[in-house]
Structures are given as structure tokens and as C-alpha cells.
């Protein structure tokens, strides 16, 4: 199993998921933890991958983290839980044990306004 991580800065623009998939299809990762996705919570399934989102339910498009899981690897996903808008867990089953991946988006301090 190959796992990666990436701060995408936002997936809330037209064509972002397609660009993400095209970028990661060049690599051989099974699961990628994405930070700062700015998407609403939920699971989006596509032909050859799924996106497990954790984000704000409002239309603010802030925060958020996700797991990008390659289609042929989806059979190993046992569970996926949203902790809050900045944290998501993905539980994977294996032959001898299960593994829990935790993805957290920890934003930096905001700029001071003068």
C-alpha cells in the first residue's frame, strides 16, 4: 500500500477533481490524504476513485480534508468517519490487521489586520 499527502489549497473550482485525478494517476499511490479541500462533507464515488470528504456544511468553502482512494483499493476500506470539519479517519482492513489513517487540516494563524 502506498500512501501520500498533499495540501491542495482548494478543490472547489470547476475541473479540480479531474485535474487531481489526472495528476495522481501519474503516480502509484493507493490512498492520498488531502488537506484544505474546501468541500462539503460526504463521499463522492467515481469510476476509478472515491473521495471521502470532511468539511463545513455551510457554503463558506473553508477548511476540509479528504482521502482520495484509488478504485481497485476501495475494497479495503472498512469504515470512514468524520471527526469534525478539519479531521477525517479512514479505516482499512488487511489480511492480519486493520489500519486507521487520520487526516487533519491544521490551518496556520490568520494574518493580523491593521
Protein backbone atom coordinates (compact mmCIF):
# COMPACT_ATOMS: atom_id res chain seq x y z
CA UNK A 1 0.00 0.00 0.00
CA UNK A 2 1.36 3.40 -0.98
CA UNK A 3 0.09 6.47 0.89
CA UNK A 4 0.71 10.10 0.05
CA UNK A 5 -0.32 13.53 1.31
CA UNK A 6 -0.93 16.84 -0.43
CA UNK A 7 -2.19 20.31 0.54
CA UNK A 8 -4.37 21.03 -2.49
CA UNK A 9 -5.40 24.54 -1.30
CA UNK A 10 -8.88 24.06 -2.82
CA UNK A 11 -10.90 21.55 -4.80
CA UNK A 12 -13.81 23.98 -5.06
CA UNK A 13 -13.35 25.07 -8.64
CA UNK A 14 -14.59 23.65 -11.91
CA UNK A 15 -12.46 20.74 -13.11
CA UNK A 16 -10.49 20.42 -9.87
CA UNK A 17 -11.32 16.75 -9.25
CA UNK A 18 -10.44 15.81 -12.81
CA UNK A 19 -7.13 17.68 -12.53
CA UNK A 20 -6.46 15.95 -9.20
CA UNK A 21 -7.15 12.53 -10.67
CA UNK A 22 -5.01 13.22 -13.73
CA UNK A 23 -2.13 14.36 -11.52
CA UNK A 24 -2.29 11.38 -9.16
CA UNK A 25 -2.81 8.80 -11.92
CA UNK A 26 0.81 9.51 -12.93
CA UNK A 27 1.90 8.23 -9.51
CA UNK A 28 1.34 4.83 -7.98
CA UNK A 29 -0.48 5.83 -4.76
CA UNK A 30 -3.40 3.85 -3.36
CA UNK A 31 -4.53 6.44 -0.79
CA UNK A 32 -3.78 10.17 -0.69
CA UNK A 33 -4.61 12.40 2.30
CA UNK A 34 -5.68 15.84 1.03
CA UNK A 35 -5.78 18.98 3.16
CA UNK A 36 -7.60 22.28 2.64
CA UNK A 37 -10.08 20.80 0.16
CA UNK A 38 -12.85 23.35 0.90
CA UNK A 39 -15.56 20.80 0.03
CA UNK A 40 -18.68 19.86 1.98
CA UNK A 41 -18.69 16.62 3.96
CA UNK A 42 -19.62 13.41 2.18
CA UNK A 43 -18.39 10.65 -0.07
CA UNK A 44 -18.09 11.14 -3.81
CA UNK A 45 -17.61 7.97 -5.87
CA UNK A 46 -16.33 8.00 -9.42
CA UNK A 47 -15.46 5.25 -11.89
CA UNK A 48 -11.93 4.66 -10.72
CA UNK A 49 -11.60 6.53 -7.40
CA UNK A 50 -13.56 7.83 -4.42
CA UNK A 51 -13.18 10.98 -2.35
CA UNK A 52 -14.07 10.84 1.36
CA UNK A 53 -14.62 14.49 2.37
CA UNK A 54 -14.75 16.24 5.72
CA UNK A 55 -15.66 19.92 5.63
CA UNK A 56 -18.11 22.61 6.66
CA UNK A 57 -21.77 22.06 5.83
CA UNK A 58 -22.15 25.78 5.18
CA UNK A 59 -21.43 27.34 1.81
CA UNK A 60 -18.29 29.08 3.14
CA UNK A 61 -15.89 26.62 1.45
CA UNK A 62 -13.31 26.69 4.22
CA UNK A 63 -11.10 24.04 5.79
CA UNK A 64 -11.75 20.43 4.92
CA UNK A 65 -9.67 17.34 4.45
CA UNK A 66 -10.26 14.27 2.32
CA UNK A 67 -8.94 10.87 1.44
CA UNK A 68 -8.53 10.09 -2.25
CA UNK A 69 -8.76 6.32 -2.68
CA UNK A 70 -7.92 4.53 -5.92
CA UNK A 71 -10.81 2.41 -7.23
CA UNK A 72 -9.17 -1.00 -7.01
CA UNK A 73 -8.18 -0.19 -3.40
CA UNK A 74 -11.76 0.66 -2.29
CA UNK A 75 -12.40 -2.98 -1.33
CA UNK A 76 -10.03 -2.49 1.63
CA UNK A 77 -11.95 0.49 3.07
CA UNK A 78 -13.67 -0.82 6.19
CA UNK A 79 -15.01 2.47 7.57
CA UNK A 80 -14.71 6.22 7.21
CA UNK A 81 -15.63 8.70 9.95
CA UNK A 82 -15.86 12.46 10.13
CA UNK A 83 -14.48 13.77 13.41
CA UNK A 84 -15.07 17.46 12.56
CA UNK A 85 -14.65 19.82 9.58
CA UNK A 86 -10.86 19.53 9.89
CA UNK A 87 -10.43 15.83 10.68
CA UNK A 88 -11.34 12.58 8.90
CA UNK A 89 -10.44 8.97 9.69
CA UNK A 90 -10.22 6.11 7.20
CA UNK A 91 -10.12 2.53 8.48
CA UNK A 92 -8.55 -0.06 6.17
CA UNK A 93 -8.75 -3.81 6.53
CA UNK A 94 -5.84 -6.06 5.75
CA UNK A 95 -5.22 -9.79 5.98
CA UNK A 96 -3.81 -9.79 9.52
CA UNK A 97 -4.83 -6.42 10.97
CA UNK A 98 -6.72 -3.19 10.38
CA UNK A 99 -5.12 0.22 9.98
CA UNK A 100 -6.59 3.65 10.77
CA UNK A 101 -5.38 6.69 8.85
CA UNK A 102 -6.09 10.11 10.38
CA UNK A 103 -6.05 13.21 8.21
CA UNK A 104 -6.05 16.62 9.93
CA UNK A 105 -6.07 20.08 8.39
CA UNK A 106 -4.40 22.41 10.89
CA UNK A 107 -4.53 25.94 9.41
CA UNK A 108 -1.91 28.50 10.25
CA UNK A 109 -2.68 31.68 12.17
CA UNK A 110 -4.60 34.27 10.22
CA UNK A 111 -2.88 37.49 9.26
CA UNK A 112 -3.29 40.33 11.71
CA UNK A 113 -5.45 43.13 10.34
CA UNK A 114 -4.14 46.65 10.83
